[in-house]
N, C-alpha and C. Protein backbone atom coordinates (compact mmCIF):
# COMPACT_ATOMS: atom_id res chain seq x y z
N UNK A 1 74.37 50.06 108.56
CA UNK A 1 74.43 48.78 109.24
C UNK A 1 74.79 47.63 108.29
N UNK A 2 74.43 47.78 107.02
CA UNK A 2 74.75 46.73 106.05
C UNK A 2 76.26 46.54 105.93
N UNK A 3 77.00 47.65 105.89
CA UNK A 3 78.46 47.57 105.78
C UNK A 3 79.04 46.88 107.00
N UNK A 4 78.54 47.20 108.17
CA UNK A 4 79.04 46.60 109.42
C UNK A 4 78.71 45.12 109.48
N UNK A 5 77.45 44.76 109.27
CA UNK A 5 77.05 43.37 109.42
C UNK A 5 77.66 42.47 108.35
N UNK A 6 77.67 42.92 107.12
CA UNK A 6 78.23 42.11 106.04
C UNK A 6 79.74 41.95 106.20
N UNK A 7 80.42 43.03 106.57
CA UNK A 7 81.88 42.96 106.79
C UNK A 7 82.21 42.01 107.92
N UNK A 8 81.44 42.07 108.99
CA UNK A 8 81.66 41.19 110.13
C UNK A 8 81.48 39.73 109.73
N UNK A 9 80.38 39.43 109.07
CA UNK A 9 80.08 38.05 108.68
C UNK A 9 81.12 37.49 107.72
N UNK A 10 81.43 38.24 106.70
CA UNK A 10 82.37 37.76 105.68
C UNK A 10 83.75 37.50 106.28
N UNK A 11 84.26 38.44 107.07
CA UNK A 11 85.61 38.26 107.62
C UNK A 11 85.62 37.18 108.70
N UNK A 12 84.59 37.10 109.52
CA UNK A 12 84.56 36.06 110.56
C UNK A 12 84.62 34.67 109.94
N UNK A 13 83.85 34.46 108.89
CA UNK A 13 83.87 33.15 108.24
C UNK A 13 85.16 32.91 107.47
N UNK A 14 85.65 33.94 106.77
CA UNK A 14 86.88 33.78 105.98
C UNK A 14 88.08 33.54 106.88
N UNK A 15 88.04 34.04 108.10
CA UNK A 15 89.17 33.95 109.02
C UNK A 15 89.33 32.56 109.62
N UNK A 16 88.26 31.78 109.64
CA UNK A 16 88.33 30.46 110.26
C UNK A 16 89.24 29.56 109.44
N UNK A 17 90.28 29.06 110.08
CA UNK A 17 91.28 28.22 109.42
C UNK A 17 92.36 29.02 108.72
N UNK A 18 92.31 30.34 108.81
CA UNK A 18 93.29 31.22 108.17
C UNK A 18 94.59 31.20 108.97
N UNK A 19 95.67 31.68 108.34
CA UNK A 19 96.96 31.67 109.01
C UNK A 19 96.98 32.52 110.27
N UNK A 20 96.20 33.61 110.30
CA UNK A 20 96.19 34.42 111.51
C UNK A 20 95.45 33.70 112.64
N UNK A 21 94.51 32.85 112.31
CA UNK A 21 93.87 32.06 113.35
C UNK A 21 94.85 31.01 113.88
N UNK A 22 95.63 30.43 112.99
CA UNK A 22 96.68 29.52 113.44
C UNK A 22 97.71 30.26 114.29
N UNK A 23 98.02 31.49 113.90
CA UNK A 23 98.94 32.31 114.67
C UNK A 23 98.36 32.58 116.07
N UNK A 24 97.08 32.87 116.15
CA UNK A 24 96.43 33.10 117.46
C UNK A 24 96.56 31.86 118.34
N UNK A 25 96.38 30.70 117.74
CA UNK A 25 96.51 29.45 118.48
C UNK A 25 97.94 29.25 118.98
N UNK A 26 98.92 29.52 118.11
CA UNK A 26 100.32 29.39 118.51
C UNK A 26 100.69 30.38 119.62
N UNK A 27 100.23 31.61 119.49
CA UNK A 27 100.53 32.61 120.52
C UNK A 27 99.87 32.25 121.84
N UNK A 28 98.65 31.75 121.80
CA UNK A 28 97.96 31.34 123.02
C UNK A 28 98.69 30.18 123.69
N UNK A 29 99.15 29.24 122.91
CA UNK A 29 99.88 28.10 123.47
C UNK A 29 101.25 28.53 124.00
N UNK A 30 101.88 29.47 123.33
CA UNK A 30 103.22 29.91 123.70
C UNK A 30 103.22 30.77 124.96
N UNK A 31 102.31 31.74 125.03
CA UNK A 31 102.35 32.71 126.12
C UNK A 31 101.37 32.43 127.25
N UNK A 32 100.27 31.81 126.95
CA UNK A 32 99.22 31.52 127.95
C UNK A 32 98.79 32.79 128.68
N UNK A 33 98.73 33.90 127.94
CA UNK A 33 98.27 35.20 128.44
C UNK A 33 97.26 35.73 127.42
N UNK A 34 95.99 35.39 127.59
CA UNK A 34 95.03 35.73 126.54
C UNK A 34 94.81 37.22 126.32
N UNK A 35 94.79 38.04 127.35
CA UNK A 35 94.43 39.44 127.17
C UNK A 35 95.46 40.24 126.39
N UNK A 36 96.75 40.11 126.64
CA UNK A 36 97.70 40.82 125.77
C UNK A 36 97.62 40.37 124.31
N UNK A 37 97.32 39.10 124.10
CA UNK A 37 97.18 38.58 122.74
C UNK A 37 95.94 39.17 122.08
N UNK A 38 94.84 39.22 122.80
CA UNK A 38 93.59 39.77 122.25
C UNK A 38 93.76 41.25 121.92
N UNK A 39 94.40 42.02 122.82
CA UNK A 39 94.62 43.44 122.55
C UNK A 39 95.57 43.63 121.36
N UNK A 40 96.56 42.76 121.24
CA UNK A 40 97.46 42.82 120.09
C UNK A 40 96.72 42.55 118.79
N UNK A 41 95.82 41.55 118.80
CA UNK A 41 95.00 41.25 117.62
C UNK A 41 94.13 42.45 117.27
N UNK A 42 93.51 43.05 118.29
CA UNK A 42 92.63 44.19 118.06
C UNK A 42 93.38 45.36 117.41
N UNK A 43 94.48 45.76 117.99
CA UNK A 43 95.22 46.91 117.46
C UNK A 43 95.83 46.63 116.09
N UNK A 44 96.38 45.45 115.90
CA UNK A 44 96.96 45.09 114.60
C UNK A 44 95.89 45.08 113.52
N UNK A 45 94.72 44.54 113.85
CA UNK A 45 93.64 44.47 112.87
C UNK A 45 93.11 45.85 112.53
N UNK A 46 92.89 46.68 113.54
CA UNK A 46 92.41 48.04 113.27
C UNK A 46 93.39 48.77 112.35
N UNK A 47 94.68 48.70 112.67
CA UNK A 47 95.68 49.40 111.86
C UNK A 47 95.71 48.85 110.43
N UNK A 48 95.76 47.54 110.30
CA UNK A 48 95.86 46.92 108.99
C UNK A 48 94.61 47.17 108.16
N UNK A 49 93.45 47.00 108.76
CA UNK A 49 92.20 47.14 108.01
C UNK A 49 91.86 48.61 107.75
N UNK A 50 92.33 49.53 108.59
CA UNK A 50 92.15 50.95 108.29
C UNK A 50 92.94 51.32 107.03
N UNK A 51 94.15 50.80 106.95
CA UNK A 51 94.96 51.01 105.75
C UNK A 51 94.28 50.40 104.52
N UNK A 52 93.79 49.18 104.67
CA UNK A 52 93.11 48.50 103.56
C UNK A 52 91.85 49.26 103.14
N UNK A 53 91.08 49.74 104.12
CA UNK A 53 89.85 50.49 103.81
C UNK A 53 90.17 51.80 103.10
N UNK A 54 91.25 52.45 103.52
CA UNK A 54 91.67 53.69 102.86
C UNK A 54 92.02 53.42 101.40
N UNK A 55 92.70 52.32 101.16
CA UNK A 55 93.03 51.94 99.79
C UNK A 55 91.75 51.66 99.00
N UNK A 56 90.82 50.93 99.62
CA UNK A 56 89.55 50.64 98.95
C UNK A 56 88.76 51.89 98.62
N UNK A 57 88.73 52.85 99.55
CA UNK A 57 88.02 54.11 99.30
C UNK A 57 88.71 54.88 98.17
N UNK A 58 90.03 54.88 98.16
CA UNK A 58 90.77 55.57 97.10
C UNK A 58 90.50 54.91 95.75
N UNK A 59 90.54 53.59 95.72
CA UNK A 59 90.30 52.87 94.47
C UNK A 59 88.91 53.20 93.93
N UNK A 60 87.93 53.26 94.83
CA UNK A 60 86.55 53.54 94.37
C UNK A 60 86.42 54.94 93.79
N UNK A 61 87.29 55.85 94.20
CA UNK A 61 87.22 57.22 93.67
C UNK A 61 88.00 57.37 92.35
N UNK A 62 88.79 56.39 91.98
CA UNK A 62 89.65 56.49 90.80
C UNK A 62 89.06 55.85 89.54
N UNK A 63 88.06 55.03 89.69
CA UNK A 63 87.52 54.30 88.56
C UNK A 63 86.06 54.64 88.33
N UNK A 64 85.62 54.46 87.11
CA UNK A 64 84.21 54.67 86.81
C UNK A 64 83.38 53.59 87.52
N UNK A 65 82.12 53.87 87.77
CA UNK A 65 81.28 52.87 88.45
C UNK A 65 81.25 51.52 87.72
N UNK A 66 81.26 51.54 86.41
CA UNK A 66 81.21 50.29 85.64
C UNK A 66 82.49 49.47 85.82
N UNK A 67 83.65 50.12 85.71
CA UNK A 67 84.93 49.43 85.89
C UNK A 67 85.03 48.92 87.34
N UNK A 68 84.63 49.76 88.27
CA UNK A 68 84.69 49.38 89.68
C UNK A 68 83.78 48.19 89.96
N UNK A 69 82.59 48.19 89.38
CA UNK A 69 81.64 47.09 89.59
C UNK A 69 82.23 45.77 89.11
N UNK A 70 82.81 45.75 87.92
CA UNK A 70 83.40 44.52 87.40
C UNK A 70 84.64 44.11 88.20
N UNK A 71 85.46 45.06 88.57
CA UNK A 71 86.66 44.76 89.36
C UNK A 71 86.28 44.18 90.72
N UNK A 72 85.31 44.80 91.37
CA UNK A 72 84.87 44.29 92.68
C UNK A 72 84.23 42.92 92.56
N UNK A 73 83.34 42.77 91.59
CA UNK A 73 82.68 41.47 91.41
C UNK A 73 83.67 40.35 91.18
N UNK A 74 84.61 40.58 90.29
CA UNK A 74 85.63 39.56 90.01
C UNK A 74 86.57 39.35 91.20
N UNK A 75 86.83 40.43 91.96
CA UNK A 75 87.67 40.31 93.16
C UNK A 75 87.00 39.40 94.19
N UNK A 76 85.70 39.55 94.37
CA UNK A 76 85.00 38.69 95.32
C UNK A 76 85.04 37.22 94.87
N UNK A 77 84.96 36.97 93.56
CA UNK A 77 85.09 35.59 93.07
C UNK A 77 86.49 35.04 93.37
N UNK A 78 87.51 35.87 93.16
CA UNK A 78 88.89 35.43 93.45
C UNK A 78 89.07 35.15 94.94
N UNK A 79 88.51 36.00 95.78
CA UNK A 79 88.61 35.78 97.23
C UNK A 79 87.88 34.50 97.61
N UNK A 80 86.77 34.21 96.95
CA UNK A 80 86.03 32.97 97.21
C UNK A 80 86.91 31.75 96.94
N UNK A 81 87.60 31.76 95.82
CA UNK A 81 88.50 30.65 95.50
C UNK A 81 89.65 30.57 96.50
N UNK A 82 90.20 31.72 96.86
CA UNK A 82 91.31 31.79 97.82
C UNK A 82 90.89 31.27 99.19
N UNK A 83 89.64 31.50 99.57
CA UNK A 83 89.13 31.06 100.86
C UNK A 83 89.16 29.53 100.99
N UNK A 84 89.03 28.84 99.88
CA UNK A 84 89.00 27.38 99.92
C UNK A 84 90.38 26.75 100.14
N UNK A 85 91.44 27.54 100.05
CA UNK A 85 92.81 27.04 100.22
C UNK A 85 93.24 27.21 101.67
N UNK A 86 93.55 26.13 102.39
CA UNK A 86 94.00 26.26 103.78
C UNK A 86 95.34 26.98 103.87
N UNK A 87 95.52 27.72 104.97
CA UNK A 87 96.76 28.44 105.22
C UNK A 87 97.70 27.62 106.10
N UNK A 88 98.97 28.01 106.10
CA UNK A 88 99.95 27.40 107.01
C UNK A 88 100.77 28.53 107.62
N UNK A 89 101.51 28.22 108.67
CA UNK A 89 102.31 29.22 109.37
C UNK A 89 103.77 29.12 108.94
N UNK A 90 104.45 30.26 108.92
CA UNK A 90 105.88 30.30 108.65
C UNK A 90 106.65 30.17 109.96
N UNK A 91 107.69 29.37 109.97
CA UNK A 91 108.51 29.20 111.16
C UNK A 91 109.35 30.43 111.47
N UNK A 92 109.61 31.29 110.47
CA UNK A 92 110.45 32.46 110.69
C UNK A 92 109.81 33.48 111.63
N UNK A 93 108.51 33.37 111.88
CA UNK A 93 107.83 34.31 112.78
C UNK A 93 108.20 34.11 114.24
N UNK A 94 108.80 33.00 114.60
CA UNK A 94 109.09 32.68 115.99
C UNK A 94 110.03 33.67 116.66
N UNK A 95 110.85 34.40 115.93
CA UNK A 95 111.78 35.36 116.51
C UNK A 95 111.10 36.49 117.26
N UNK A 96 109.87 36.80 116.90
CA UNK A 96 109.14 37.88 117.57
C UNK A 96 108.66 37.48 118.97
N UNK A 97 108.67 36.18 119.28
CA UNK A 97 108.18 35.72 120.58
C UNK A 97 108.96 36.32 121.75
N UNK A 98 110.21 36.65 121.55
CA UNK A 98 111.03 37.15 122.66
C UNK A 98 110.59 38.53 123.14
N UNK A 99 109.73 39.20 122.38
CA UNK A 99 109.28 40.55 122.74
C UNK A 99 108.03 40.54 123.61
N UNK A 100 107.54 39.40 123.99
CA UNK A 100 106.35 39.32 124.84
C UNK A 100 105.08 39.13 124.03
N UNK A 101 104.02 38.77 124.73
CA UNK A 101 102.76 38.41 124.08
C UNK A 101 102.16 39.56 123.28
N UNK A 102 102.09 40.75 123.86
CA UNK A 102 101.44 41.86 123.17
C UNK A 102 102.21 42.30 121.93
N UNK A 103 103.50 42.56 122.07
CA UNK A 103 104.31 43.04 120.93
C UNK A 103 104.38 41.97 119.85
N UNK A 104 104.59 40.72 120.24
CA UNK A 104 104.65 39.64 119.25
C UNK A 104 103.34 39.55 118.48
N UNK A 105 102.23 39.62 119.20
CA UNK A 105 100.92 39.54 118.54
C UNK A 105 100.69 40.73 117.62
N UNK A 106 100.98 41.91 118.12
CA UNK A 106 100.77 43.13 117.34
C UNK A 106 101.54 43.08 116.02
N UNK A 107 102.81 42.79 116.10
CA UNK A 107 103.66 42.78 114.91
C UNK A 107 103.30 41.61 113.98
N UNK A 108 103.19 40.42 114.54
CA UNK A 108 102.94 39.24 113.71
C UNK A 108 101.56 39.29 113.05
N UNK A 109 100.54 39.75 113.77
CA UNK A 109 99.21 39.85 113.17
C UNK A 109 99.19 40.90 112.07
N UNK A 110 99.81 42.04 112.31
CA UNK A 110 99.84 43.08 111.29
C UNK A 110 100.52 42.55 110.03
N UNK A 111 101.68 41.92 110.19
CA UNK A 111 102.42 41.40 109.04
C UNK A 111 101.68 40.25 108.36
N UNK A 112 101.07 39.38 109.15
CA UNK A 112 100.36 38.23 108.57
C UNK A 112 99.14 38.67 107.76
N UNK A 113 98.56 39.80 108.10
CA UNK A 113 97.38 40.29 107.39
C UNK A 113 97.72 40.99 106.08
N UNK A 114 98.98 41.37 105.88
CA UNK A 114 99.34 42.05 104.64
C UNK A 114 99.17 41.08 103.47
N UNK A 115 98.30 41.45 102.57
CA UNK A 115 98.03 40.61 101.39
C UNK A 115 97.15 39.41 101.67
N UNK A 116 96.68 39.27 102.89
CA UNK A 116 95.82 38.14 103.25
C UNK A 116 94.42 38.35 102.67
N UNK A 117 93.66 37.28 102.56
CA UNK A 117 92.34 37.39 101.96
C UNK A 117 91.42 38.31 102.74
N UNK A 118 91.57 38.40 104.07
CA UNK A 118 90.71 39.31 104.82
C UNK A 118 91.10 40.77 104.58
N UNK A 119 92.37 41.03 104.32
CA UNK A 119 92.78 42.39 103.98
C UNK A 119 92.26 42.75 102.59
N UNK A 120 92.38 41.83 101.66
CA UNK A 120 91.87 42.07 100.31
C UNK A 120 90.36 42.25 100.35
N UNK A 121 89.68 41.46 101.16
CA UNK A 121 88.23 41.61 101.32
C UNK A 121 87.89 42.98 101.91
N UNK A 122 88.71 43.46 102.83
CA UNK A 122 88.48 44.79 103.41
C UNK A 122 88.62 45.87 102.35
N UNK A 123 89.61 45.75 101.49
CA UNK A 123 89.76 46.69 100.38
C UNK A 123 88.50 46.67 99.51
N UNK A 124 88.05 45.48 99.16
CA UNK A 124 86.88 45.35 98.29
C UNK A 124 85.61 45.88 98.97
N UNK A 125 85.45 45.56 100.25
CA UNK A 125 84.26 46.04 100.98
C UNK A 125 84.27 47.56 101.11
N UNK A 126 85.43 48.14 101.37
CA UNK A 126 85.53 49.60 101.48
C UNK A 126 85.28 50.27 100.14
N UNK A 127 85.64 49.59 99.06
CA UNK A 127 85.36 50.14 97.73
C UNK A 127 83.87 50.05 97.43
N UNK A 128 83.20 49.08 98.00
CA UNK A 128 81.77 48.90 97.74
C UNK A 128 80.91 49.81 98.61
N UNK A 129 81.25 49.93 99.88
CA UNK A 129 80.45 50.71 100.81
C UNK A 129 81.12 52.06 101.07
N UNK A 130 80.33 53.11 101.14
CA UNK A 130 80.89 54.45 101.36
C UNK A 130 81.27 54.69 102.82
N UNK A 131 80.74 53.91 103.74
CA UNK A 131 81.03 54.10 105.16
C UNK A 131 82.22 53.24 105.58
N UNK A 132 83.43 53.76 105.34
CA UNK A 132 84.64 52.98 105.62
C UNK A 132 84.81 52.68 107.10
N UNK A 133 84.32 53.56 107.97
CA UNK A 133 84.43 53.28 109.41
C UNK A 133 83.63 52.03 109.80
N UNK A 134 82.47 51.86 109.19
CA UNK A 134 81.67 50.66 109.47
C UNK A 134 82.33 49.41 108.88
N UNK A 135 82.99 49.56 107.75
CA UNK A 135 83.72 48.44 107.16
C UNK A 135 84.88 48.05 108.09
N UNK A 136 85.64 49.03 108.56
CA UNK A 136 86.76 48.75 109.47
C UNK A 136 86.24 48.11 110.75
N UNK A 137 85.17 48.68 111.31
CA UNK A 137 84.59 48.11 112.53
C UNK A 137 84.12 46.68 112.29
N UNK A 138 83.47 46.45 111.16
CA UNK A 138 82.95 45.12 110.85
C UNK A 138 84.04 44.09 110.61
N UNK A 139 85.05 44.47 109.82
CA UNK A 139 86.12 43.50 109.56
C UNK A 139 86.93 43.23 110.83
N UNK A 140 87.10 44.24 111.67
CA UNK A 140 87.81 44.05 112.94
C UNK A 140 86.99 43.15 113.85
N UNK A 141 85.69 43.40 113.93
CA UNK A 141 84.82 42.55 114.75
C UNK A 141 84.84 41.11 114.24
N UNK A 142 84.83 40.96 112.92
CA UNK A 142 84.90 39.61 112.35
C UNK A 142 86.18 38.89 112.73
N UNK A 143 87.30 39.62 112.69
CA UNK A 143 88.59 39.03 113.11
C UNK A 143 88.54 38.61 114.57
N UNK A 144 87.97 39.48 115.40
CA UNK A 144 87.89 39.15 116.83
C UNK A 144 86.96 37.97 117.08
N UNK A 145 85.84 37.92 116.39
CA UNK A 145 84.90 36.81 116.56
C UNK A 145 85.55 35.47 116.19
N UNK A 146 86.41 35.48 115.21
CA UNK A 146 87.07 34.25 114.79
C UNK A 146 88.28 33.90 115.66
N UNK A 147 89.00 34.92 116.15
CA UNK A 147 90.27 34.66 116.83
C UNK A 147 90.22 34.64 118.35
N UNK A 148 89.34 35.42 118.95
CA UNK A 148 89.29 35.46 120.42
C UNK A 148 88.92 34.09 121.00
N UNK A 149 87.93 33.38 120.46
CA UNK A 149 87.66 32.04 121.01
C UNK A 149 88.86 31.10 120.91
N UNK A 150 89.63 31.22 119.84
CA UNK A 150 90.82 30.39 119.69
C UNK A 150 91.83 30.72 120.78
N UNK A 151 92.00 32.01 121.05
CA UNK A 151 92.94 32.43 122.09
C UNK A 151 92.46 31.93 123.45
N UNK A 152 91.16 32.07 123.71
CA UNK A 152 90.63 31.70 125.03
C UNK A 152 90.50 30.19 125.23
N UNK A 153 90.18 29.47 124.17
CA UNK A 153 89.93 28.04 124.29
C UNK A 153 91.04 27.15 123.73
N UNK A 154 91.98 27.75 123.03
CA UNK A 154 93.11 26.99 122.52
C UNK A 154 92.70 25.86 121.60
N UNK A 155 93.34 24.74 121.75
CA UNK A 155 93.10 23.57 120.89
C UNK A 155 91.67 23.07 120.95
N UNK A 156 91.01 23.25 122.05
CA UNK A 156 89.65 22.73 122.21
C UNK A 156 88.74 23.19 121.07
N UNK A 157 88.73 24.50 120.78
CA UNK A 157 87.86 25.03 119.73
C UNK A 157 88.39 24.70 118.35
N UNK A 158 89.67 24.89 118.14
CA UNK A 158 90.23 24.73 116.80
C UNK A 158 90.13 23.30 116.28
N UNK A 159 90.25 22.34 117.16
CA UNK A 159 90.23 20.95 116.74
C UNK A 159 88.83 20.44 116.40
N UNK A 160 87.80 21.15 116.83
CA UNK A 160 86.44 20.65 116.66
C UNK A 160 85.64 21.37 115.58
N UNK A 161 86.20 22.37 114.96
CA UNK A 161 85.48 23.11 113.93
C UNK A 161 85.58 22.39 112.59
N UNK A 162 84.46 22.29 111.88
CA UNK A 162 84.48 21.68 110.54
C UNK A 162 85.04 22.68 109.51
N UNK A 163 86.36 22.77 109.43
CA UNK A 163 87.00 23.82 108.64
C UNK A 163 86.61 23.78 107.16
N UNK A 164 86.48 22.59 106.59
CA UNK A 164 86.13 22.51 105.16
C UNK A 164 84.74 23.08 104.91
N UNK A 165 83.81 22.80 105.80
CA UNK A 165 82.44 23.32 105.65
C UNK A 165 82.45 24.84 105.83
N UNK A 166 83.18 25.32 106.82
CA UNK A 166 83.24 26.76 107.08
C UNK A 166 83.90 27.49 105.91
N UNK A 167 84.96 26.92 105.36
CA UNK A 167 85.60 27.53 104.18
C UNK A 167 84.63 27.58 103.01
N UNK A 168 83.85 26.51 102.81
CA UNK A 168 82.89 26.47 101.72
C UNK A 168 81.79 27.52 101.91
N UNK A 169 81.31 27.68 103.13
CA UNK A 169 80.28 28.70 103.41
C UNK A 169 80.86 30.09 103.15
N UNK A 170 82.08 30.34 103.62
CA UNK A 170 82.72 31.64 103.38
C UNK A 170 82.90 31.89 101.89
N UNK A 171 83.34 30.87 101.15
CA UNK A 171 83.50 31.02 99.70
C UNK A 171 82.16 31.33 99.04
N UNK A 172 81.10 30.67 99.47
CA UNK A 172 79.77 30.95 98.92
C UNK A 172 79.34 32.39 99.20
N UNK A 173 79.67 32.89 100.38
CA UNK A 173 79.35 34.29 100.70
C UNK A 173 80.10 35.24 99.78
N UNK A 174 81.38 34.95 99.52
CA UNK A 174 82.14 35.81 98.61
C UNK A 174 81.58 35.73 97.19
N UNK A 175 81.17 34.55 96.75
CA UNK A 175 80.54 34.43 95.42
C UNK A 175 79.23 35.21 95.39
N UNK A 176 78.44 35.11 96.46
CA UNK A 176 77.19 35.87 96.54
C UNK A 176 77.46 37.37 96.48
N UNK A 177 78.50 37.82 97.18
CA UNK A 177 78.85 39.24 97.12
C UNK A 177 79.26 39.63 95.72
N UNK A 178 80.03 38.78 95.05
CA UNK A 178 80.44 39.06 93.68
C UNK A 178 79.24 39.17 92.76
N UNK A 179 78.30 38.23 92.90
CA UNK A 179 77.09 38.27 92.09
C UNK A 179 76.26 39.51 92.40
N UNK A 180 76.15 39.84 93.68
CA UNK A 180 75.39 41.03 94.08
C UNK A 180 75.98 42.29 93.44
N UNK A 181 77.29 42.40 93.48
CA UNK A 181 77.95 43.57 92.90
C UNK A 181 77.75 43.61 91.39
N UNK A 182 77.91 42.48 90.73
CA UNK A 182 77.81 42.44 89.28
C UNK A 182 76.37 42.65 88.78
N UNK A 183 75.41 42.16 89.55
CA UNK A 183 74.00 42.24 89.10
C UNK A 183 73.28 43.47 89.63
N UNK A 184 73.91 44.20 90.53
CA UNK A 184 73.28 45.39 91.14
C UNK A 184 73.17 46.51 90.15
C-alpha cells in the first residue's frame, strides 16, 4: 500500500500545473467531450508509466543498493527542483486534433509524458519499490486525480488553484522522498 499511496500523492501533486494538465484543459476546451479525453488520459498514462516502471525495475536490478540509493535520492532532489518550474504547451501538437478526442488525447498524452517529471518520478518510484504494479496504479491514479477535474470543470478549476503553493508542496514531497531514500 505504501507504493500505491505514495505514488498517487507524489504524481497528483507534481501534475498540477504540468504541461499534461494544460493539455487536458486544451483538449476539454477543444472537444467538449470529457469521457473520450479521460479514457485517452487513462490509457496513455498506463502505457507510459508501465514502460517507465519497467525501466525503473530494470535499473534497480543493475546497480548495487548503495549506488541505487544515492542515484534515487539525488533523482528525487532533481525532480523537486524541476517541479518548481512551470510548464508550457507546444503549438505543434494541434495537428493531432483532427483525429478526434480519444486518439488526440491518447497520442498527445503519451508523447507529452515522455521525459516529463512524472515519468521520471515513476522510474524512480519503481526503482525504490518492488511492487511495480502498485507504482503504475498509483502514478496513473495520481494523473487521473490531477487531470480529470480539469477535463470536467475546465477553466473553473484551473484558474482557482494556487499553483505556486502546490508546486512547492510537491517539491517538498520529492525532497522528503530523497531524504528518506538517502537516510534509510
